[in-house]
């Protein structure tokens, strides 16, 4: 997030452990939404209606959680999904 020149984030912030932790958490969240948009099909949905879209989003998030739990447990290779 921090660039070498012309960055709003200076060295005083970057040297703290909390900043490194927040970058890791941010990456994990961005990966989830990227997966849901590409693999889950939520980038451009074909459904009409709030209830149908909510159901598709729920199914996508649940599927992502199952794939992630499986890859963390070691019994699923997440590269297949």
PDB file of N, CA and C in Angstrom:
ATOM      1  N   UNK A   1       0.821  -1.185   0.000  1.00  0.00           N
ATOM      2  CA  UNK A   1       0.000   0.000   0.000  1.00  0.00           C
ATOM      3  C   UNK A   1       0.867   1.252   0.000  1.00  0.00           C
ATOM      4  N   UNK A   2       2.007   1.173   0.612  1.00  0.00           N
ATOM      5  CA  UNK A   2       2.868   2.341   0.686  1.00  0.00           C
ATOM      6  C   UNK A   2       3.863   2.337  -0.465  1.00  0.00           C
ATOM      7  N   UNK A   3       3.980   3.474  -1.141  1.00  0.00           N
ATOM      8  CA  UNK A   3       4.930   3.621  -2.233  1.00  0.00           C
ATOM      9  C   UNK A   3       6.212   4.255  -1.695  1.00  0.00           C
ATOM     10  N   UNK A   4       7.242   4.215  -2.493  1.00  0.00           N
ATOM     11  CA  UNK A   4       8.508   4.803  -2.063  1.00  0.00           C
ATOM     12  C   UNK A   4       8.444   6.322  -2.045  1.00  0.00           C
ATOM     13  N   UNK A   5       7.844   6.904  -3.079  1.00  0.00           N
ATOM     14  CA  UNK A   5       7.769   8.364  -3.166  1.00  0.00           C
ATOM     15  C   UNK A   5       6.313   8.805  -3.175  1.00  0.00           C
ATOM     16  N   UNK A   6       6.059   9.955  -2.637  1.00  0.00           N
ATOM     17  CA  UNK A   6       4.730  10.592  -2.664  1.00  0.00           C
ATOM     18  C   UNK A   6       3.651   9.706  -2.062  1.00  0.00           C
ATOM     19  N   UNK A   7       3.920   9.126  -0.940  1.00  0.00           N
ATOM     20  CA  UNK A   7       2.960   8.266  -0.274  1.00  0.00           C
ATOM     21  C   UNK A   7       2.412   8.976   0.966  1.00  0.00           C
ATOM     22  N   UNK A   8       1.133   8.745   1.223  1.00  0.00           N
ATOM     23  CA  UNK A   8       0.526   9.306   2.425  1.00  0.00           C
ATOM     24  C   UNK A   8       0.930   8.505   3.664  1.00  0.00           C
ATOM     25  N   UNK A   9       1.455   7.300   3.446  1.00  0.00           N
ATOM     26  CA  UNK A   9       1.872   6.443   4.536  1.00  0.00           C
ATOM     27  C   UNK A   9       3.385   6.598   4.701  1.00  0.00           C
ATOM     28  N   UNK A  10       3.798   7.206   5.780  1.00  0.00           N
ATOM     29  CA  UNK A  10       5.228   7.445   5.966  1.00  0.00           C
ATOM     30  C   UNK A  10       5.878   6.323   6.771  1.00  0.00           C
ATOM     31  N   UNK A  11       7.152   6.450   7.005  1.00  0.00           N
ATOM     32  CA  UNK A  11       7.924   5.415   7.684  1.00  0.00           C
ATOM     33  C   UNK A  11       7.503   5.166   9.109  1.00  0.00           C
ATOM     34  N   UNK A  12       6.951   6.181   9.758  1.00  0.00           N
ATOM     35  CA  UNK A  12       6.528   5.994  11.152  1.00  0.00           C
ATOM     36  C   UNK A  12       5.391   4.994  11.258  1.00  0.00           C
ATOM     37  N   UNK A  13       4.556   4.948  10.245  1.00  0.00           N
ATOM     38  CA  UNK A  13       3.438   3.999  10.264  1.00  0.00           C
ATOM     39  C   UNK A  13       3.899   2.634   9.792  1.00  0.00           C
ATOM     40  N   UNK A  14       4.711   2.610   8.755  1.00  0.00           N
ATOM     41  CA  UNK A  14       5.128   1.341   8.151  1.00  0.00           C
ATOM     42  C   UNK A  14       5.975   0.483   9.078  1.00  0.00           C
ATOM     43  N   UNK A  15       6.645   1.051  10.025  1.00  0.00           N
ATOM     44  CA  UNK A  15       7.535   0.247  10.863  1.00  0.00           C
ATOM     45  C   UNK A  15       6.814  -0.481  11.991  1.00  0.00           C
ATOM     46  N   UNK A  16       5.553  -0.197  12.225  1.00  0.00           N
ATOM     47  CA  UNK A  16       4.816  -0.844  13.302  1.00  0.00           C
ATOM     48  C   UNK A  16       4.288  -2.208  12.870  1.00  0.00           C
ATOM     49  N   UNK A  17       4.173  -3.080  13.823  1.00  0.00           N
ATOM     50  CA  UNK A  17       3.708  -4.444  13.564  1.00  0.00           C
ATOM     51  C   UNK A  17       2.245  -4.463  13.135  1.00  0.00           C
ATOM     52  N   UNK A  18       1.440  -3.553  13.653  1.00  0.00           N
ATOM     53  CA  UNK A  18       0.028  -3.496  13.291  1.00  0.00           C
ATOM     54  C   UNK A  18      -0.196  -3.190  11.825  1.00  0.00           C
ATOM     55  N   UNK A  19       0.687  -2.406  11.234  1.00  0.00           N
ATOM     56  CA  UNK A  19       0.578  -2.082   9.807  1.00  0.00           C
ATOM     57  C   UNK A  19       0.815  -3.325   8.964  1.00  0.00           C
ATOM     58  N   UNK A  20       1.799  -4.126   9.332  1.00  0.00           N
ATOM     59  CA  UNK A  20       2.070  -5.366   8.605  1.00  0.00           C
ATOM     60  C   UNK A  20       0.902  -6.334   8.727  1.00  0.00           C
ATOM     61  N   UNK A  21       0.334  -6.402   9.921  1.00  0.00           N
ATOM     62  CA  UNK A  21      -0.811  -7.275  10.139  1.00  0.00           C
ATOM     63  C   UNK A  21      -2.012  -6.829   9.320  1.00  0.00           C
ATOM     64  N   UNK A  22      -2.246  -5.524   9.253  1.00  0.00           N
ATOM     65  CA  UNK A  22      -3.390  -5.030   8.494  1.00  0.00           C
ATOM     66  C   UNK A  22      -3.226  -5.305   7.004  1.00  0.00           C
ATOM     67  N   UNK A  23      -2.000  -5.288   6.503  1.00  0.00           N
ATOM     68  CA  UNK A  23      -1.780  -5.613   5.100  1.00  0.00           C
ATOM     69  C   UNK A  23      -2.090  -7.077   4.817  1.00  0.00           C
ATOM     70  N   UNK A  24      -1.739  -7.965   5.749  1.00  0.00           N
ATOM     71  CA  UNK A  24      -2.039  -9.381   5.572  1.00  0.00           C
ATOM     72  C   UNK A  24      -3.545  -9.623   5.570  1.00  0.00           C
ATOM     73  N   UNK A  25      -4.245  -8.980   6.498  1.00  0.00           N
ATOM     74  CA  UNK A  25      -5.692  -9.145   6.586  1.00  0.00           C
ATOM     75  C   UNK A  25      -6.364  -8.561   5.348  1.00  0.00           C
ATOM     76  N   UNK A  26      -5.875  -7.418   4.896  1.00  0.00           N
ATOM     77  CA  UNK A  26      -6.432  -6.777   3.703  1.00  0.00           C
ATOM     78  C   UNK A  26      -6.270  -7.676   2.480  1.00  0.00           C
ATOM     79  N   UNK A  27      -5.108  -8.305   2.337  1.00  0.00           N
ATOM     80  CA  UNK A  27      -4.876  -9.208   1.212  1.00  0.00           C
ATOM     81  C   UNK A  27      -5.828 -10.394   1.264  1.00  0.00           C
ATOM     82  N   UNK A  28      -6.046 -10.941   2.447  1.00  0.00           N
ATOM     83  CA  UNK A  28      -6.955 -12.071   2.592  1.00  0.00           C
ATOM     84  C   UNK A  28      -8.383 -11.690   2.195  1.00  0.00           C
ATOM     85  N   UNK A  29      -8.812 -10.495   2.570  1.00  0.00           N
ATOM     86  CA  UNK A  29     -10.160 -10.041   2.228  1.00  0.00           C
ATOM     87  C   UNK A  29     -10.271  -9.792   0.730  1.00  0.00           C
ATOM     88  N   UNK A  30      -9.260  -9.166   0.131  1.00  0.00           N
ATOM     89  CA  UNK A  30      -9.284  -8.901  -1.304  1.00  0.00           C
ATOM     90  C   UNK A  30      -9.281 -10.196  -2.099  1.00  0.00           C
ATOM     91  N   UNK A  31      -8.554 -11.215  -1.639  1.00  0.00           N
ATOM     92  CA  UNK A  31      -8.556 -12.505  -2.319  1.00  0.00           C
ATOM     93  C   UNK A  31      -9.948 -13.122  -2.309  1.00  0.00           C
ATOM     94  N   UNK A  32     -10.645 -13.001  -1.197  1.00  0.00           N
ATOM     95  CA  UNK A  32     -11.991 -13.571  -1.099  1.00  0.00           C
ATOM     96  C   UNK A  32     -12.933 -12.897  -2.088  1.00  0.00           C
ATOM     97  N   UNK A  33     -12.926 -11.587  -2.137  1.00  0.00           N
ATOM     98  CA  UNK A  33     -13.830 -10.900  -3.048  1.00  0.00           C
ATOM     99  C   UNK A  33     -13.436 -11.120  -4.503  1.00  0.00           C
ATOM    100  N   UNK A  34     -12.142 -11.252  -4.778  1.00  0.00           N
ATOM    101  CA  UNK A  34     -11.708 -11.571  -6.132  1.00  0.00           C
ATOM    102  C   UNK A  34     -12.186 -12.941  -6.558  1.00  0.00           C
ATOM    103  N   UNK A  35     -12.097 -13.926  -5.655  1.00  0.00           N
ATOM    104  CA  UNK A  35     -12.566 -15.270  -5.954  1.00  0.00           C
ATOM    105  C   UNK A  35     -14.066 -15.275  -6.198  1.00  0.00           C
ATOM    106  N   UNK A  36     -14.790 -14.562  -5.371  1.00  0.00           N
ATOM    107  CA  UNK A  36     -16.245 -14.537  -5.491  1.00  0.00           C
ATOM    108  C   UNK A  36     -16.678 -13.868  -6.786  1.00  0.00           C
ATOM    109  N   UNK A  37     -15.942 -12.854  -7.221  1.00  0.00           N
ATOM    110  CA  UNK A  37     -16.292 -12.183  -8.471  1.00  0.00           C
ATOM    111  C   UNK A  37     -15.941 -13.027  -9.692  1.00  0.00           C
ATOM    112  N   UNK A  38     -14.792 -13.700  -9.661  1.00  0.00           N
ATOM    113  CA  UNK A  38     -14.379 -14.457 -10.845  1.00  0.00           C
ATOM    114  C   UNK A  38     -14.988 -15.853 -10.871  1.00  0.00           C
ATOM    115  N   UNK A  39     -14.740 -16.633  -9.845  1.00  0.00           N
ATOM    116  CA  UNK A  39     -15.205 -18.016  -9.817  1.00  0.00           C
ATOM    117  C   UNK A  39     -16.684 -18.086  -9.475  1.00  0.00           C
ATOM    118  N   UNK A  40     -17.109 -17.301  -8.510  1.00  0.00           N
ATOM    119  CA  UNK A  40     -18.500 -17.338  -8.068  1.00  0.00           C
ATOM    120  C   UNK A  40     -19.480 -16.680  -9.011  1.00  0.00           C
ATOM    121  N   UNK A  41     -19.003 -15.866  -9.918  1.00  0.00           N
ATOM    122  CA  UNK A  41     -19.880 -15.255 -10.910  1.00  0.00           C
ATOM    123  C   UNK A  41     -20.620 -14.025 -10.442  1.00  0.00           C
ATOM    124  N   UNK A  42     -20.159 -13.385  -9.387  1.00  0.00           N
ATOM    125  CA  UNK A  42     -20.859 -12.198  -8.914  1.00  0.00           C
ATOM    126  C   UNK A  42     -20.365 -10.908  -9.563  1.00  0.00           C
ATOM    127  N   UNK A  43     -19.405 -11.001 -10.470  1.00  0.00           N
ATOM    128  CA  UNK A  43     -18.950  -9.795 -11.153  1.00  0.00           C
ATOM    129  C   UNK A  43     -20.068  -9.240 -12.029  1.00  0.00           C
ATOM    130  N   UNK A  44     -20.767 -10.136 -12.693  1.00  0.00           N
ATOM    131  CA  UNK A  44     -21.907  -9.729 -13.504  1.00  0.00           C
ATOM    132  C   UNK A  44     -22.968 -10.819 -13.385  1.00  0.00           C
ATOM    133  N   UNK A  45     -23.914 -10.596 -12.528  1.00  0.00           N
ATOM    134  CA  UNK A  45     -24.929 -11.607 -12.277  1.00  0.00           C
ATOM    135  C   UNK A  45     -26.027 -11.529 -13.342  1.00  0.00           C
ATOM    136  N   UNK A  46     -26.661 -12.656 -13.564  1.00  0.00           N
ATOM    137  CA  UNK A  46     -27.750 -12.716 -14.531  1.00  0.00           C
ATOM    138  C   UNK A  46     -29.111 -12.750 -13.837  1.00  0.00           C
ATOM    139  N   UNK A  47     -29.082 -12.660 -12.534  1.00  0.00           N
ATOM    140  CA  UNK A  47     -30.327 -12.758 -11.777  1.00  0.00           C
ATOM    141  C   UNK A  47     -30.968 -11.397 -11.597  1.00  0.00           C
ATOM    142  N   UNK A  48     -32.287 -11.395 -11.532  1.00  0.00           N
ATOM    143  CA  UNK A  48     -33.041 -10.168 -11.309  1.00  0.00           C
ATOM    144  C   UNK A  48     -33.804 -10.324  -9.997  1.00  0.00           C
ATOM    145  N   UNK A  49     -33.673  -9.335  -9.147  1.00  0.00           N
ATOM    146  CA  UNK A  49     -34.375  -9.364  -7.875  1.00  0.00           C
ATOM    147  C   UNK A  49     -33.420  -9.458  -6.713  1.00  0.00           C
ATOM    148  N   UNK A  50     -33.796  -8.749  -5.663  1.00  0.00           N
ATOM    149  CA  UNK A  50     -32.937  -8.692  -4.488  1.00  0.00           C
ATOM    150  C   UNK A  50     -32.823 -10.044  -3.796  1.00  0.00           C
ATOM    151  N   UNK A  51     -33.917 -10.788  -3.735  1.00  0.00           N
ATOM    152  CA  UNK A  51     -33.903 -12.078  -3.042  1.00  0.00           C
ATOM    153  C   UNK A  51     -33.025 -13.088  -3.782  1.00  0.00           C
ATOM    154  N   UNK A  52     -33.118 -13.104  -5.110  1.00  0.00           N
ATOM    155  CA  UNK A  52     -32.307 -14.044  -5.884  1.00  0.00           C
ATOM    156  C   UNK A  52     -30.825 -13.697  -5.790  1.00  0.00           C
ATOM    157  N   UNK A  53     -30.531 -12.417  -5.853  1.00  0.00           N
ATOM    158  CA  UNK A  53     -29.142 -11.983  -5.747  1.00  0.00           C
ATOM    159  C   UNK A  53     -28.574 -12.279  -4.359  1.00  0.00           C
ATOM    160  N   UNK A  54     -29.381 -12.078  -3.333  1.00  0.00           N
ATOM    161  CA  UNK A  54     -28.942 -12.392  -1.971  1.00  0.00           C
ATOM    162  C   UNK A  54     -28.670 -13.886  -1.826  1.00  0.00           C
ATOM    163  N   UNK A  55     -29.496 -14.718  -2.453  1.00  0.00           N
ATOM    164  CA  UNK A  55     -29.281 -16.164  -2.416  1.00  0.00           C
ATOM    165  C   UNK A  55     -28.004 -16.568  -3.136  1.00  0.00           C
ATOM    166  N   UNK A  56     -27.750 -15.945  -4.295  1.00  0.00           N
ATOM    167  CA  UNK A  56     -26.525 -16.243  -5.028  1.00  0.00           C
ATOM    168  C   UNK A  56     -25.291 -15.804  -4.236  1.00  0.00           C
ATOM    169  N   UNK A  57     -25.372 -14.639  -3.612  1.00  0.00           N
ATOM    170  CA  UNK A  57     -24.246 -14.152  -2.815  1.00  0.00           C
ATOM    171  C   UNK A  57     -23.999 -15.075  -1.617  1.00  0.00           C
ATOM    172  N   UNK A  58     -25.057 -15.503  -0.967  1.00  0.00           N
ATOM    173  CA  UNK A  58     -24.923 -16.417   0.166  1.00  0.00           C
ATOM    174  C   UNK A  58     -24.288 -17.727  -0.262  1.00  0.00           C
ATOM    175  N   UNK A  59     -24.710 -18.252  -1.395  1.00  0.00           N
ATOM    176  CA  UNK A  59     -24.144 -19.497  -1.902  1.00  0.00           C
ATOM    177  C   UNK A  59     -22.670 -19.321  -2.255  1.00  0.00           C
ATOM    178  N   UNK A  60     -22.315 -18.188  -2.856  1.00  0.00           N
ATOM    179  CA  UNK A  60     -20.915 -17.937  -3.220  1.00  0.00           C
ATOM    180  C   UNK A  60     -20.038 -17.814  -1.989  1.00  0.00           C
ATOM    181  N   UNK A  61     -20.481 -17.062  -1.003  1.00  0.00           N
ATOM    182  CA  UNK A  61     -19.685 -16.902   0.212  1.00  0.00           C
ATOM    183  C   UNK A  61     -19.552 -18.224   0.962  1.00  0.00           C
ATOM    184  N   UNK A  62     -20.622 -19.018   1.003  1.00  0.00           N
ATOM    185  CA  UNK A  62     -20.549 -20.315   1.677  1.00  0.00           C
ATOM    186  C   UNK A  62     -19.587 -21.249   0.948  1.00  0.00           C
ATOM    187  N   UNK A  63     -19.626 -21.229  -0.390  1.00  0.00           N
ATOM    188  CA  UNK A  63     -18.718 -22.065  -1.171  1.00  0.00           C
ATOM    189  C   UNK A  63     -17.277 -21.644  -0.948  1.00  0.00           C
ATOM    190  N   UNK A  64     -17.027 -20.347  -0.937  1.00  0.00           N
ATOM    191  CA  UNK A  64     -15.668 -19.864  -0.693  1.00  0.00           C
ATOM    192  C   UNK A  64     -15.181 -20.302   0.684  1.00  0.00           C
ATOM    193  N   UNK A  65     -16.048 -20.219   1.681  1.00  0.00           N
ATOM    194  CA  UNK A  65     -15.666 -20.640   3.031  1.00  0.00           C
ATOM    195  C   UNK A  65     -15.334 -22.139   3.073  1.00  0.00           C
ATOM    196  N   UNK A  66     -16.114 -22.950   2.358  1.00  0.00           N
ATOM    197  CA  UNK A  66     -15.839 -24.386   2.338  1.00  0.00           C
ATOM    198  C   UNK A  66     -14.515 -24.683   1.644  1.00  0.00           C
ATOM    199  N   UNK A  67     -14.253 -24.020   0.529  1.00  0.00           N
ATOM    200  CA  UNK A  67     -13.000 -24.226  -0.184  1.00  0.00           C
ATOM    201  C   UNK A  67     -11.830 -23.781   0.687  1.00  0.00           C
ATOM    202  N   UNK A  68     -11.982 -22.664   1.359  1.00  0.00           N
ATOM    203  CA  UNK A  68     -10.892 -22.153   2.205  1.00  0.00           C
ATOM    204  C   UNK A  68     -10.656 -23.071   3.410  1.00  0.00           C
ATOM    205  N   UNK A  69     -11.732 -23.547   4.020  1.00  0.00           N
ATOM    206  CA  UNK A  69     -11.560 -24.473   5.146  1.00  0.00           C
ATOM    207  C   UNK A  69     -10.887 -25.763   4.691  1.00  0.00           C
ATOM    208  N   UNK A  70     -11.254 -26.233   3.517  1.00  0.00           N
ATOM    209  CA  UNK A  70     -10.641 -27.451   3.006  1.00  0.00           C
ATOM    210  C   UNK A  70      -9.170 -27.278   2.703  1.00  0.00           C
ATOM    211  N   UNK A  71      -8.811 -26.108   2.168  1.00  0.00           N
ATOM    212  CA  UNK A  71      -7.399 -25.888   1.859  1.00  0.00           C
ATOM    213  C   UNK A  71      -6.590 -25.658   3.132  1.00  0.00           C
ATOM    214  N   UNK A  72      -7.186 -25.043   4.140  1.00  0.00           N
ATOM    215  CA  UNK A  72      -6.483 -24.867   5.409  1.00  0.00           C
ATOM    216  C   UNK A  72      -6.310 -26.194   6.139  1.00  0.00           C
ATOM    217  N   UNK A  73      -7.286 -27.075   5.993  1.00  0.00           N
ATOM    218  CA  UNK A  73      -7.205 -28.379   6.636  1.00  0.00           C
ATOM    219  C   UNK A  73      -6.302 -29.352   5.910  1.00  0.00           C
ATOM    220  N   UNK A  74      -5.970 -29.044   4.661  1.00  0.00           N
ATOM    221  CA  UNK A  74      -5.067 -29.884   3.905  1.00  0.00           C
ATOM    222  C   UNK A  74      -5.721 -30.993   3.107  1.00  0.00           C
ATOM    223  N   UNK A  75      -7.048 -31.079   3.098  1.00  0.00           N
ATOM    224  CA  UNK A  75      -7.700 -32.151   2.360  1.00  0.00           C
ATOM    225  C   UNK A  75      -8.264 -31.684   1.024  1.00  0.00           C
ATOM    226  N   UNK A  76      -8.036 -30.439   0.641  1.00  0.00           N
ATOM    227  CA  UNK A  76      -8.532 -29.929  -0.634  1.00  0.00           C
ATOM    228  C   UNK A  76      -7.472 -29.019  -1.234  1.00  0.00           C
ATOM    229  N   UNK A  77      -7.179 -29.231  -2.511  1.00  0.00           N
ATOM    230  CA  UNK A  77      -6.257 -28.371  -3.227  1.00  0.00           C
ATOM    231  C   UNK A  77      -7.063 -27.229  -3.825  1.00  0.00           C
ATOM    232  N   UNK A  78      -6.930 -26.036  -3.286  1.00  0.00           N
ATOM    233  CA  UNK A  78      -7.773 -24.909  -3.673  1.00  0.00           C
ATOM    234  C   UNK A  78      -7.498 -24.431  -5.088  1.00  0.00           C
ATOM    235  N   UNK A  79      -6.454 -24.910  -5.730  1.00  0.00           N
ATOM    236  CA  UNK A  79      -6.161 -24.469  -7.091  1.00  0.00           C
ATOM    237  C   UNK A  79      -7.142 -25.048  -8.111  1.00  0.00           C
ATOM    238  N   UNK A  80      -7.905 -26.049  -7.708  1.00  0.00           N
ATOM    239  CA  UNK A  80      -8.887 -26.620  -8.621  1.00  0.00           C
ATOM    240  C   UNK A  80     -10.150 -25.788  -8.724  1.00  0.00           C
ATOM    241  N   UNK A  81     -10.424 -24.972  -7.729  1.00  0.00           N
ATOM    242  CA  UNK A  81     -11.673 -24.210  -7.711  1.00  0.00           C
ATOM    243  C   UNK A  81     -11.501 -22.870  -8.377  1.00  0.00           C
TER     244      UNK A  81
END
